[in-house]
Amino acid sequence: MNNFRIKLFTCPIIVIAADYLTSSMVFSAIWQPASVGIFFAFVSYLFEQVILRRDTFWMSNVLDFLFAAVIVYASQFFFSNVTISLIGALFSAAMLAAFEYIAHSYLLRSGQV
């Protein structure tokens, strides 16, 4: 459960940071990338509970990257005045996947999964 709280706090910050770091993602209000990050945190946590094990570490990280790219890219169709290129979605997904890699490594090393 502690991991979920960390994701709920960190994922929105990562998506907001990606929005500010690249011109390939343009959200019109700060709540939009924050809500995308919160949604990804929920999806990622549920996915983690189902699939993350020692033998599925890399598969889980790759799938997190793909899910993040799809969620970020698709978010432009749910919010008005939002433009996200494929490069922007991949950049944001790479940032989220880097965080997930660290989180998954910690969870597996500490035996919380």
PDB file of N, CA and C in Angstrom:
ATOM      1  N   MET A   1       0.816  -1.197   0.000  1.00  0.00           N
ATOM      2  CA  MET A   1       0.000   0.000   0.000  1.00  0.00           C
ATOM      3  C   MET A   1       0.861   1.263   0.000  1.00  0.00           C
ATOM      4  N   ASN A   2       2.003   1.185   0.681  1.00  0.00           N
ATOM      5  CA  ASN A   2       2.903   2.322   0.694  1.00  0.00           C
ATOM      6  C   ASN A   2       3.401   2.642  -0.714  1.00  0.00           C
ATOM      7  N   ASN A   3       3.631   1.605  -1.519  1.00  0.00           N
ATOM      8  CA  ASN A   3       4.064   1.806  -2.896  1.00  0.00           C
ATOM      9  C   ASN A   3       3.001   2.563  -3.692  1.00  0.00           C
ATOM     10  N   PHE A   4       1.733   2.278  -3.424  1.00  0.00           N
ATOM     11  CA  PHE A   4       0.657   2.977  -4.124  1.00  0.00           C
ATOM     12  C   PHE A   4       0.674   4.466  -3.794  1.00  0.00           C
ATOM     13  N   ARG A   5       0.905   4.798  -2.540  1.00  0.00           N
ATOM     14  CA  ARG A   5       0.973   6.220  -2.148  1.00  0.00           C
ATOM     15  C   ARG A   5       2.127   6.927  -2.853  1.00  0.00           C
ATOM     16  N   ILE A   6       3.243   6.237  -2.949  1.00  0.00           N
ATOM     17  CA  ILE A   6       4.397   6.825  -3.633  1.00  0.00           C
ATOM     18  C   ILE A   6       4.071   7.056  -5.106  1.00  0.00           C
ATOM     19  N   LYS A   7       3.452   6.076  -5.748  1.00  0.00           N
ATOM     20  CA  LYS A   7       3.070   6.217  -7.157  1.00  0.00           C
ATOM     21  C   LYS A   7       2.069   7.361  -7.336  1.00  0.00           C
ATOM     22  N   LEU A   8       1.102   7.441  -6.432  1.00  0.00           N
ATOM     23  CA  LEU A   8       0.063   8.461  -6.520  1.00  0.00           C
ATOM     24  C   LEU A   8       0.646   9.865  -6.404  1.00  0.00           C
ATOM     25  N   PHE A   9       1.742   9.995  -5.697  1.00  0.00           N
ATOM     26  CA  PHE A   9       2.407  11.282  -5.548  1.00  0.00           C
ATOM     27  C   PHE A   9       3.395  11.546  -6.684  1.00  0.00           C
ATOM     28  N   THR A  10       4.150  10.524  -7.080  1.00  0.00           N
ATOM     29  CA  THR A  10       5.256  10.701  -8.020  1.00  0.00           C
ATOM     30  C   THR A  10       4.824  10.745  -9.483  1.00  0.00           C
ATOM     31  N   CYS A  11       3.908   9.892  -9.886  1.00  0.00           N
ATOM     32  CA  CYS A  11       3.520   9.827 -11.305  1.00  0.00           C
ATOM     33  C   CYS A  11       2.961  11.150 -11.839  1.00  0.00           C
ATOM     34  N   PRO A  12       2.073  11.838 -11.107  1.00  0.00           N
ATOM     35  CA  PRO A  12       1.623  13.138 -11.620  1.00  0.00           C
ATOM     36  C   PRO A  12       2.762  14.148 -11.751  1.00  0.00           C
ATOM     37  N   ILE A  13       3.687  14.134 -10.801  1.00  0.00           N
ATOM     38  CA  ILE A  13       4.825  15.054 -10.875  1.00  0.00           C
ATOM     39  C   ILE A  13       5.667  14.757 -12.112  1.00  0.00           C
ATOM     40  N   ILE A  14       5.852  13.492 -12.424  1.00  0.00           N
ATOM     41  CA  ILE A  14       6.643  13.114 -13.598  1.00  0.00           C
ATOM     42  C   ILE A  14       5.963  13.576 -14.883  1.00  0.00           C
ATOM     43  N   VAL A  15       4.652  13.384 -14.996  1.00  0.00           N
ATOM     44  CA  VAL A  15       3.945  13.805 -16.217  1.00  0.00           C
ATOM     45  C   VAL A  15       3.950  15.332 -16.331  1.00  0.00           C
ATOM     46  N   ILE A  16       3.779  16.035 -15.217  1.00  0.00           N
ATOM     47  CA  ILE A  16       3.848  17.504 -15.240  1.00  0.00           C
ATOM     48  C   ILE A  16       5.245  17.949 -15.664  1.00  0.00           C
ATOM     49  N   ALA A  17       6.279  17.308 -15.127  1.00  0.00           N
ATOM     50  CA  ALA A  17       7.655  17.650 -15.503  1.00  0.00           C
ATOM     51  C   ALA A  17       7.898  17.390 -16.984  1.00  0.00           C
ATOM     52  N   ALA A  18       7.405  16.277 -17.486  1.00  0.00           N
ATOM     53  CA  ALA A  18       7.570  15.968 -18.912  1.00  0.00           C
ATOM     54  C   ALA A  18       6.875  17.014 -19.770  1.00  0.00           C
ATOM     55  N   ASP A  19       5.720  17.486 -19.319  1.00  0.00           N
ATOM     56  CA  ASP A  19       4.995  18.531 -20.043  1.00  0.00           C
ATOM     57  C   ASP A  19       5.831  19.802 -20.131  1.00  0.00           C
ATOM     58  N   TYR A  20       6.500  20.162 -19.042  1.00  0.00           N
ATOM     59  CA  TYR A  20       7.308  21.378 -19.032  1.00  0.00           C
ATOM     60  C   TYR A  20       8.647  21.210 -19.738  1.00  0.00           C
ATOM     61  N   LEU A  21       9.161  19.990 -19.799  1.00  0.00           N
ATOM     62  CA  LEU A  21      10.477  19.763 -20.393  1.00  0.00           C
ATOM     63  C   LEU A  21      10.471  19.625 -21.910  1.00  0.00           C
ATOM     64  N   THR A  22       9.328  19.333 -22.489  1.00  0.00           N
ATOM     65  CA  THR A  22       9.284  19.142 -23.933  1.00  0.00           C
ATOM     66  C   THR A  22       8.145  19.942 -24.543  1.00  0.00           C
ATOM     67  N   SER A  23       8.365  20.393 -25.751  1.00  0.00           N
ATOM     68  CA  SER A  23       7.295  21.102 -26.468  1.00  0.00           C
ATOM     69  C   SER A  23       6.429  20.124 -27.254  1.00  0.00           C
ATOM     70  N   SER A  24       6.735  18.848 -27.158  1.00  0.00           N
ATOM     71  CA  SER A  24       5.952  17.824 -27.855  1.00  0.00           C
ATOM     72  C   SER A  24       4.693  17.440 -27.094  1.00  0.00           C
ATOM     73  N   MET A  25       4.572  17.948 -25.875  1.00  0.00           N
ATOM     74  CA  MET A  25       3.369  17.743 -25.064  1.00  0.00           C
ATOM     75  C   MET A  25       2.875  19.116 -24.634  1.00  0.00           C
ATOM     76  N   VAL A  26       1.627  19.415 -24.946  1.00  0.00           N
ATOM     77  CA  VAL A  26       1.067  20.710 -24.559  1.00  0.00           C
ATOM     78  C   VAL A  26      -0.272  20.470 -23.875  1.00  0.00           C
ATOM     79  N   PHE A  27      -0.276  20.595 -22.558  1.00  0.00           N
ATOM     80  CA  PHE A  27      -1.514  20.545 -21.785  1.00  0.00           C
ATOM     81  C   PHE A  27      -1.928  21.980 -21.504  1.00  0.00           C
ATOM     82  N   SER A  28      -3.229  22.243 -21.500  1.00  0.00           N
ATOM     83  CA  SER A  28      -3.690  23.619 -21.315  1.00  0.00           C
ATOM     84  C   SER A  28      -3.866  23.996 -19.848  1.00  0.00           C
ATOM     85  N   ALA A  29      -3.908  23.033 -18.952  1.00  0.00           N
ATOM     86  CA  ALA A  29      -4.046  23.314 -17.521  1.00  0.00           C
ATOM     87  C   ALA A  29      -3.258  22.277 -16.734  1.00  0.00           C
ATOM     88  N   ILE A  30      -2.778  22.661 -15.573  1.00  0.00           N
ATOM     89  CA  ILE A  30      -1.915  21.764 -14.795  1.00  0.00           C
ATOM     90  C   ILE A  30      -2.654  20.534 -14.274  1.00  0.00           C
ATOM     91  N   TRP A  31      -3.964  20.631 -14.106  1.00  0.00           N
ATOM     92  CA  TRP A  31      -4.714  19.474 -13.605  1.00  0.00           C
ATOM     93  C   TRP A  31      -4.782  18.353 -14.643  1.00  0.00           C
ATOM     94  N   GLN A  32      -4.586  18.681 -15.916  1.00  0.00           N
ATOM     95  CA  GLN A  32      -4.662  17.657 -16.956  1.00  0.00           C
ATOM     96  C   GLN A  32      -3.505  16.657 -16.877  1.00  0.00           C
ATOM     97  N   PRO A  33      -2.240  17.109 -16.882  1.00  0.00           N
ATOM     98  CA  PRO A  33      -1.168  16.115 -16.743  1.00  0.00           C
ATOM     99  C   PRO A  33      -1.180  15.445 -15.364  1.00  0.00           C
ATOM    100  N   ALA A  34      -1.641  16.167 -14.346  1.00  0.00           N
ATOM    101  CA  ALA A  34      -1.737  15.566 -13.012  1.00  0.00           C
ATOM    102  C   ALA A  34      -2.743  14.421 -13.010  1.00  0.00           C
ATOM    103  N   SER A  35      -3.874  14.620 -13.670  1.00  0.00           N
ATOM    104  CA  SER A  35      -4.877  13.553 -13.703  1.00  0.00           C
ATOM    105  C   SER A  35      -4.406  12.376 -14.558  1.00  0.00           C
ATOM    106  N   VAL A  36      -3.642  12.644 -15.601  1.00  0.00           N
ATOM    107  CA  VAL A  36      -3.058  11.554 -16.396  1.00  0.00           C
ATOM    108  C   VAL A  36      -2.091  10.750 -15.524  1.00  0.00           C
ATOM    109  N   GLY A  37      -1.285  11.437 -14.734  1.00  0.00           N
ATOM    110  CA  GLY A  37      -0.361  10.757 -13.832  1.00  0.00           C
ATOM    111  C   GLY A  37      -1.073   9.938 -12.771  1.00  0.00           C
ATOM    112  N   ILE A  38      -2.164  10.462 -12.233  1.00  0.00           N
ATOM    113  CA  ILE A  38      -2.946   9.721 -11.236  1.00  0.00           C
ATOM    114  C   ILE A  38      -3.560   8.478 -11.866  1.00  0.00           C
ATOM    115  N   PHE A  39      -4.100   8.629 -13.070  1.00  0.00           N
ATOM    116  CA  PHE A  39      -4.674   7.474 -13.759  1.00  0.00           C
ATOM    117  C   PHE A  39      -3.607   6.413 -14.012  1.00  0.00           C
ATOM    118  N   PHE A  40      -2.426   6.845 -14.466  1.00  0.00           N
ATOM    119  CA  PHE A  40      -1.342   5.888 -14.691  1.00  0.00           C
ATOM    120  C   PHE A  40      -0.930   5.216 -13.384  1.00  0.00           C
ATOM    121  N   ALA A  41      -0.920   5.953 -12.287  1.00  0.00           N
ATOM    122  CA  ALA A  41      -0.564   5.366 -10.990  1.00  0.00           C
ATOM    123  C   ALA A  41      -1.524   4.238 -10.626  1.00  0.00           C
ATOM    124  N   PHE A  42      -2.828   4.453 -10.839  1.00  0.00           N
ATOM    125  CA  PHE A  42      -3.811   3.404 -10.567  1.00  0.00           C
ATOM    126  C   PHE A  42      -3.577   2.183 -11.455  1.00  0.00           C
ATOM    127  N   VAL A  43      -3.444   2.420 -12.751  1.00  0.00           N
ATOM    128  CA  VAL A  43      -3.246   1.316 -13.697  1.00  0.00           C
ATOM    129  C   VAL A  43      -1.951   0.573 -13.388  1.00  0.00           C
ATOM    130  N   SER A  44      -0.904   1.311 -13.136  1.00  0.00           N
ATOM    131  CA  SER A  44       0.395   0.714 -12.858  1.00  0.00           C
ATOM    132  C   SER A  44       0.362  -0.121 -11.577  1.00  0.00           C
ATOM    133  N   TYR A  45      -0.299   0.385 -10.552  1.00  0.00           N
ATOM    134  CA  TYR A  45      -0.381  -0.360  -9.293  1.00  0.00           C
ATOM    135  C   TYR A  45      -1.152  -1.667  -9.469  1.00  0.00           C
ATOM    136  N   LEU A  46      -2.278  -1.595 -10.156  1.00  0.00           N
ATOM    137  CA  LEU A  46      -3.066  -2.808 -10.387  1.00  0.00           C
ATOM    138  C   LEU A  46      -2.281  -3.820 -11.217  1.00  0.00           C
ATOM    139  N   PHE A  47      -1.628  -3.324 -12.251  1.00  0.00           N
ATOM    140  CA  PHE A  47      -0.818  -4.181 -13.107  1.00  0.00           C
ATOM    141  C   PHE A  47       0.322  -4.818 -12.309  1.00  0.00           C
ATOM    142  N   GLU A  48       0.924  -4.029 -11.445  1.00  0.00           N
ATOM    143  CA  GLU A  48       2.029  -4.503 -10.614  1.00  0.00           C
ATOM    144  C   GLU A  48       1.580  -5.640  -9.689  1.00  0.00           C
ATOM    145  N   GLN A  49       0.392  -5.517  -9.134  1.00  0.00           N
ATOM    146  CA  GLN A  49      -0.130  -6.543  -8.236  1.00  0.00           C
ATOM    147  C   GLN A  49      -0.357  -7.865  -8.973  1.00  0.00           C
ATOM    148  N   VAL A  50      -0.707  -7.771 -10.240  1.00  0.00           N
ATOM    149  CA  VAL A  50      -1.024  -8.969 -11.014  1.00  0.00           C
ATOM    150  C   VAL A  50       0.228  -9.638 -11.576  1.00  0.00           C
ATOM    151  N   ILE A  51       1.167  -8.859 -12.103  1.00  0.00           N
ATOM    152  CA  ILE A  51       2.221  -9.468 -12.914  1.00  0.00           C
ATOM    153  C   ILE A  51       3.632  -9.384 -12.338  1.00  0.00           C
ATOM    154  N   LEU A  52       3.920  -8.452 -11.442  1.00  0.00           N
ATOM    155  CA  LEU A  52       5.312  -8.265 -11.017  1.00  0.00           C
ATOM    156  C   LEU A  52       5.788  -9.397 -10.106  1.00  0.00           C
ATOM    157  N   ARG A  53       6.783 -10.125 -10.588  1.00  0.00           N
ATOM    158  CA  ARG A  53       7.489 -11.172  -9.848  1.00  0.00           C
ATOM    159  C   ARG A  53       8.955 -11.102 -10.276  1.00  0.00           C
ATOM    160  N   ARG A  54       9.801 -11.827  -9.603  1.00  0.00           N
ATOM    161  CA  ARG A  54      11.228 -11.812  -9.975  1.00  0.00           C
ATOM    162  C   ARG A  54      11.447 -12.212 -11.433  1.00  0.00           C
ATOM    163  N   ASP A  55      10.719 -13.208 -11.888  1.00  0.00           N
ATOM    164  CA  ASP A  55      10.932 -13.689 -13.253  1.00  0.00           C
ATOM    165  C   ASP A  55      10.220 -12.845 -14.305  1.00  0.00           C
ATOM    166  N   THR A  56       9.411 -11.884 -13.899  1.00  0.00           N
ATOM    167  CA  THR A  56       8.718 -11.020 -14.865  1.00  0.00           C
ATOM    168  C   THR A  56       9.157  -9.563 -14.741  1.00  0.00           C
ATOM    169  N   PHE A  57      10.314  -9.336 -14.123  1.00  0.00           N
ATOM    170  CA  PHE A  57      10.792  -7.970 -13.887  1.00  0.00           C
ATOM    171  C   PHE A  57      10.888  -7.157 -15.178  1.00  0.00           C
ATOM    172  N   TRP A  58      11.593  -7.668 -16.170  1.00  0.00           N
ATOM    173  CA  TRP A  58      11.798  -6.906 -17.406  1.00  0.00           C
ATOM    174  C   TRP A  58      10.519  -6.801 -18.221  1.00  0.00           C
ATOM    175  N   MET A  59       9.737  -7.856 -18.255  1.00  0.00           N
ATOM    176  CA  MET A  59       8.468  -7.793 -18.970  1.00  0.00           C
ATOM    177  C   MET A  59       7.560  -6.736 -18.338  1.00  0.00           C
ATOM    178  N   SER A  60       7.555  -6.672 -17.029  1.00  0.00           N
ATOM    179  CA  SER A  60       6.743  -5.689 -16.324  1.00  0.00           C
ATOM    180  C   SER A  60       7.194  -4.266 -16.649  1.00  0.00           C
ATOM    181  N   ASN A  61       8.501  -4.050 -16.707  1.00  0.00           N
ATOM    182  CA  ASN A  61       9.013  -2.716 -17.024  1.00  0.00           C
ATOM    183  C   ASN A  61       8.699  -2.310 -18.461  1.00  0.00           C
ATOM    184  N   VAL A  62       8.846  -3.234 -19.387  1.00  0.00           N
ATOM    185  CA  VAL A  62       8.530  -2.938 -20.791  1.00  0.00           C
ATOM    186  C   VAL A  62       7.040  -2.642 -20.947  1.00  0.00           C
ATOM    187  N   LEU A  63       6.207  -3.441 -20.301  1.00  0.00           N
ATOM    188  CA  LEU A  63       4.765  -3.205 -20.388  1.00  0.00           C
ATOM    189  C   LEU A  63       4.365  -1.900 -19.709  1.00  0.00           C
ATOM    190  N   ASP A  64       5.033  -1.533 -18.622  1.00  0.00           N
ATOM    191  CA  ASP A  64       4.780  -0.228 -17.997  1.00  0.00           C
ATOM    192  C   ASP A  64       5.091   0.901 -18.972  1.00  0.00           C
ATOM    193  N   PHE A  65       6.205   0.776 -19.691  1.00  0.00           N
ATOM    194  CA  PHE A  65       6.562   1.788 -20.687  1.00  0.00           C
ATOM    195  C   PHE A  65       5.486   1.886 -21.768  1.00  0.00           C
ATOM    196  N   LEU A  66       5.050   0.745 -22.279  1.00  0.00           N
ATOM    197  CA  LEU A  66       4.035   0.744 -23.338  1.00  0.00           C
ATOM    198  C   LEU A  66       2.701   1.296 -22.842  1.00  0.00           C
ATOM    199  N   PHE A  67       2.279   0.871 -21.645  1.00  0.00           N
ATOM    200  CA  PHE A  67       1.034   1.399 -21.076  1.00  0.00           C
ATOM    201  C   PHE A  67       1.126   2.906 -20.870  1.00  0.00           C
ATOM    202  N   ALA A  68       2.260   3.371 -20.368  1.00  0.00           N
ATOM    203  CA  ALA A  68       2.437   4.801 -20.137  1.00  0.00           C
ATOM    204  C   ALA A  68       2.355   5.572 -21.448  1.00  0.00           C
ATOM    205  N   ALA A  69       3.009   5.076 -22.488  1.00  0.00           N
ATOM    206  CA  ALA A  69       2.974   5.756 -23.785  1.00  0.00           C
ATOM    207  C   ALA A  69       1.553   5.834 -24.324  1.00  0.00           C
ATOM    208  N   VAL A  70       0.816   4.742 -24.232  1.00  0.00           N
ATOM    209  CA  VAL A  70      -0.568   4.722 -24.730  1.00  0.00           C
ATOM    210  C   VAL A  70      -1.453   5.649 -23.907  1.00  0.00           C
ATOM    211  N   ILE A  71      -1.327   5.597 -22.583  1.00  0.00           N
ATOM    212  CA  ILE A  71      -2.163   6.438 -21.719  1.00  0.00           C
ATOM    213  C   ILE A  71      -1.883   7.912 -21.962  1.00  0.00           C
ATOM    214  N   VAL A  72      -0.619   8.286 -22.019  1.00  0.00           N
ATOM    215  CA  VAL A  72      -0.277   9.697 -22.239  1.00  0.00           C
ATOM    216  C   VAL A  72      -0.735  10.148 -23.620  1.00  0.00           C
ATOM    217  N   TYR A  73      -0.469   9.353 -24.639  1.00  0.00           N
ATOM    218  CA  TYR A  73      -0.869   9.739 -25.996  1.00  0.00           C
ATOM    219  C   TYR A  73      -2.392   9.828 -26.119  1.00  0.00           C
ATOM    220  N   ALA A  74      -3.108   8.866 -25.550  1.00  0.00           N
ATOM    221  CA  ALA A  74      -4.571   8.846 -25.653  1.00  0.00           C
ATOM    222  C   ALA A  74      -5.221   9.960 -24.846  1.00  0.00           C
ATOM    223  N   SER A  75      -4.518  10.504 -23.874  1.00  0.00           N
ATOM    224  CA  SER A  75      -5.120  11.549 -23.040  1.00  0.00           C
ATOM    225  C   SER A  75      -5.498  12.787 -23.845  1.00  0.00           C
ATOM    226  N   GLN A  76      -4.840  13.006 -24.971  1.00  0.00           N
ATOM    227  CA  GLN A  76      -5.177  14.175 -25.783  1.00  0.00           C
ATOM    228  C   GLN A  76      -6.576  14.084 -26.376  1.00  0.00           C
ATOM    229  N   PHE A  77      -7.135  12.883 -26.433  1.00  0.00           N
ATOM    230  CA  PHE A  77      -8.476  12.705 -26.976  1.00  0.00           C
ATOM    231  C   PHE A  77      -9.558  12.877 -25.914  1.00  0.00           C
ATOM    232  N   PHE A  78      -9.156  12.992 -24.655  1.00  0.00           N
ATOM    233  CA  PHE A  78     -10.108  13.146 -23.559  1.00  0.00           C
ATOM    234  C   PHE A  78     -10.135  14.554 -22.974  1.00  0.00           C
ATOM    235  N   PHE A  79      -9.123  15.352 -23.268  1.00  0.00           N
ATOM    236  CA  PHE A  79      -9.055  16.724 -22.768  1.00  0.00           C
ATOM    237  C   PHE A  79      -9.078  17.689 -23.944  1.00  0.00           C
ATOM    238  N   SER A  80      -9.683  18.838 -23.732  1.00  0.00           N
ATOM    239  CA  SER A  80      -9.694  19.845 -24.796  1.00  0.00           C
ATOM    240  C   SER A  80      -8.403  20.659 -24.740  1.00  0.00           C
ATOM    241  N   ASN A  81      -8.003  21.164 -25.881  1.00  0.00           N
ATOM    242  CA  ASN A  81      -6.803  21.991 -26.034  1.00  0.00           C
ATOM    243  C   ASN A  81      -5.530  21.290 -25.565  1.00  0.00           C
ATOM    244  N   VAL A  82      -5.431  20.007 -25.844  1.00  0.00           N
ATOM    245  CA  VAL A  82      -4.234  19.233 -25.500  1.00  0.00           C
ATOM    246  C   VAL A  82      -3.669  18.642 -26.782  1.00  0.00           C
ATOM    247  N   THR A  83      -2.365  18.815 -26.963  1.00  0.00           N
ATOM    248  CA  THR A  83      -1.678  18.251 -28.120  1.00  0.00           C
ATOM    249  C   THR A  83      -0.476  17.455 -27.627  1.00  0.00           C
ATOM    250  N   ILE A  84      -0.428  16.195 -28.028  1.00  0.00           N
ATOM    251  CA  ILE A  84       0.687  15.339 -27.630  1.00  0.00           C
ATOM    252  C   ILE A  84       1.152  14.572 -28.860  1.00  0.00           C
ATOM    253  N   SER A  85       2.411  14.767 -29.211  1.00  0.00           N
ATOM    254  CA  SER A  85       2.967  14.007 -30.330  1.00  0.00           C
ATOM    255  C   SER A  85       3.428  12.644 -29.822  1.00  0.00           C
ATOM    256  N   LEU A  86       3.727  11.774 -30.746  1.00  0.00           N
ATOM    257  CA  LEU A  86       4.225  10.453 -30.373  1.00  0.00           C
ATOM    258  C   LEU A  86       5.541  10.577 -29.607  1.00  0.00           C
ATOM    259  N   ILE A  87       6.388  11.506 -30.028  1.00  0.00           N
ATOM    260  CA  ILE A  87       7.664  11.735 -29.337  1.00  0.00           C
ATOM    261  C   ILE A  87       7.420  12.197 -27.904  1.00  0.00           C
ATOM    262  N   GLY A  88       6.461  13.090 -27.707  1.00  0.00           N
ATOM    263  CA  GLY A  88       6.130  13.559 -26.360  1.00  0.00           C
ATOM    264  C   GLY A  88       5.622  12.437 -25.477  1.00  0.00           C
ATOM    265  N   ALA A  89       4.774  11.585 -26.038  1.00  0.00           N
ATOM    266  CA  ALA A  89       4.251  10.450 -25.274  1.00  0.00           C
ATOM    267  C   ALA A  89       5.372   9.480 -24.919  1.00  0.00           C
ATOM    268  N   LEU A  90       6.280   9.236 -25.850  1.00  0.00           N
ATOM    269  CA  LEU A  90       7.400   8.326 -25.587  1.00  0.00           C
ATOM    270  C   LEU A  90       8.365   8.908 -24.557  1.00  0.00           C
ATOM    271  N   PHE A  91       8.572  10.226 -24.615  1.00  0.00           N
ATOM    272  CA  PHE A  91       9.434  10.892 -23.633  1.00  0.00           C
ATOM    273  C   PHE A  91       8.847  10.766 -22.228  1.00  0.00           C
ATOM    274  N   SER A  92       7.575  11.054 -22.111  1.00  0.00           N
ATOM    275  CA  SER A  92       6.895  10.936 -20.824  1.00  0.00           C
ATOM    276  C   SER A  92       6.902   9.487 -20.337  1.00  0.00           C
ATOM    277  N   ALA A  93       6.657   8.560 -21.246  1.00  0.00           N
ATOM    278  CA  ALA A  93       6.662   7.135 -20.890  1.00  0.00           C
ATOM    279  C   ALA A  93       8.043   6.688 -20.428  1.00  0.00           C
ATOM    280  N   ALA A  94       9.089   7.213 -21.047  1.00  0.00           N
ATOM    281  CA  ALA A  94      10.449   6.857 -20.632  1.00  0.00           C
ATOM    282  C   ALA A  94      10.731   7.350 -19.216  1.00  0.00           C
ATOM    283  N   MET A  95      10.261   8.551 -18.901  1.00  0.00           N
ATOM    284  CA  MET A  95      10.441   9.075 -17.545  1.00  0.00           C
ATOM    285  C   MET A  95       9.667   8.231 -16.526  1.00  0.00           C
ATOM    286  N   LEU A  96       8.433   7.882 -16.872  1.00  0.00           N
ATOM    287  CA  LEU A  96       7.626   7.048 -15.976  1.00  0.00           C
ATOM    288  C   LEU A  96       8.231   5.650 -15.832  1.00  0.00           C
ATOM    289  N   ALA A  97       8.731   5.101 -16.928  1.00  0.00           N
ATOM    290  CA  ALA A  97       9.329   3.764 -16.890  1.00  0.00           C
ATOM    291  C   ALA A  97      10.610   3.756 -16.053  1.00  0.00           C
ATOM    292  N   ALA A  98      11.372   4.840 -16.093  1.00  0.00           N
ATOM    293  CA  ALA A  98      12.577   4.922 -15.261  1.00  0.00           C
ATOM    294  C   ALA A  98      12.197   4.883 -13.778  1.00  0.00           C
ATOM    295  N   PHE A  99      11.150   5.611 -13.417  1.00  0.00           N
ATOM    296  CA  PHE A  99      10.665   5.561 -12.036  1.00  0.00           C
ATOM    297  C   PHE A  99      10.171   4.161 -11.684  1.00  0.00           C
ATOM    298  N   GLU A 100       9.428   3.547 -12.593  1.00  0.00           N
ATOM    299  CA  GLU A 100       8.896   2.205 -12.343  1.00  0.00           C
ATOM    300  C   GLU A 100      10.027   1.187 -12.194  1.00  0.00           C
ATOM    301  N   TYR A 101      11.090   1.331 -12.957  1.00  0.00           N
ATOM    302  CA  TYR A 101      12.245   0.444 -12.843  1.00  0.00           C
ATOM    303  C   TYR A 101      12.820   0.500 -11.426  1.00  0.00           C
ATOM    304  N   ILE A 102      12.991   1.715 -10.923  1.00  0.00           N
ATOM    305  CA  ILE A 102      13.521   1.894  -9.568  1.00  0.00           C
ATOM    306  C   ILE A 102      12.551   1.320  -8.536  1.00  0.00           C
ATOM    307  N   ALA A 103      11.270   1.608  -8.708  1.00  0.00           N
ATOM    308  CA  ALA A 103      10.260   1.112  -7.765  1.00  0.00           C
ATOM    309  C   ALA A 103      10.188  -0.412  -7.779  1.00  0.00           C
ATOM    310  N   HIS A 104      10.209  -1.003  -8.966  1.00  0.00           N
ATOM    311  CA  HIS A 104      10.145  -2.465  -9.068  1.00  0.00           C
ATOM    312  C   HIS A 104      11.387  -3.113  -8.455  1.00  0.00           C
ATOM    313  N   SER A 105      12.541  -2.526  -8.708  1.00  0.00           N
ATOM    314  CA  SER A 105      13.779  -3.058  -8.125  1.00  0.00           C
ATOM    315  C   SER A 105      13.700  -3.045  -6.604  1.00  0.00           C
ATOM    316  N   TYR A 106      13.238  -1.942  -6.052  1.00  0.00           N
ATOM    317  CA  TYR A 106      13.111  -1.828  -4.601  1.00  0.00           C
ATOM    318  C   TYR A 106      12.113  -2.847  -4.054  1.00  0.00           C
ATOM    319  N   LEU A 107      10.961  -2.966  -4.704  1.00  0.00           N
ATOM    320  CA  LEU A 107       9.932  -3.890  -4.228  1.00  0.00           C
ATOM    321  C   LEU A 107      10.423  -5.333  -4.230  1.00  0.00           C
ATOM    322  N   LEU A 108      11.135  -5.708  -5.277  1.00  0.00           N
ATOM    323  CA  LEU A 108      11.636  -7.080  -5.361  1.00  0.00           C
ATOM    324  C   LEU A 108      12.755  -7.333  -4.350  1.00  0.00           C
ATOM    325  N   ARG A 109      13.655  -6.353  -4.179  1.00  0.00           N
ATOM    326  CA  ARG A 109      14.746  -6.520  -3.221  1.00  0.00           C
ATOM    327  C   ARG A 109      14.246  -6.575  -1.783  1.00  0.00           C
ATOM    328  N   SER A 110      13.214  -5.794  -1.487  1.00  0.00           N
ATOM    329  CA  SER A 110      12.706  -5.751  -0.112  1.00  0.00           C
ATOM    330  C   SER A 110      11.695  -6.854   0.176  1.00  0.00           C
ATOM    331  N   GLY A 111      11.327  -7.612  -0.855  1.00  0.00           N
ATOM    332  CA  GLY A 111      10.391  -8.714  -0.665  1.00  0.00           C
ATOM    333  C   GLY A 111       8.949  -8.287  -0.480  1.00  0.00           C
ATOM    334  N   GLN A 112       8.603  -7.102  -0.938  1.00  0.00           N
ATOM    335  CA  GLN A 112       7.239  -6.602  -0.789  1.00  0.00           C
ATOM    336  C   GLN A 112       6.306  -7.098  -1.879  1.00  0.00           C
ATOM    337  N   VAL A 113       6.844  -7.835  -2.821  1.00  0.00           N
ATOM    338  CA  VAL A 113       6.007  -8.385  -3.893  1.00  0.00           C
ATOM    339  C   VAL A 113       6.063  -9.887  -3.828  1.00  0.00           C
TER     340      VAL A 113
END
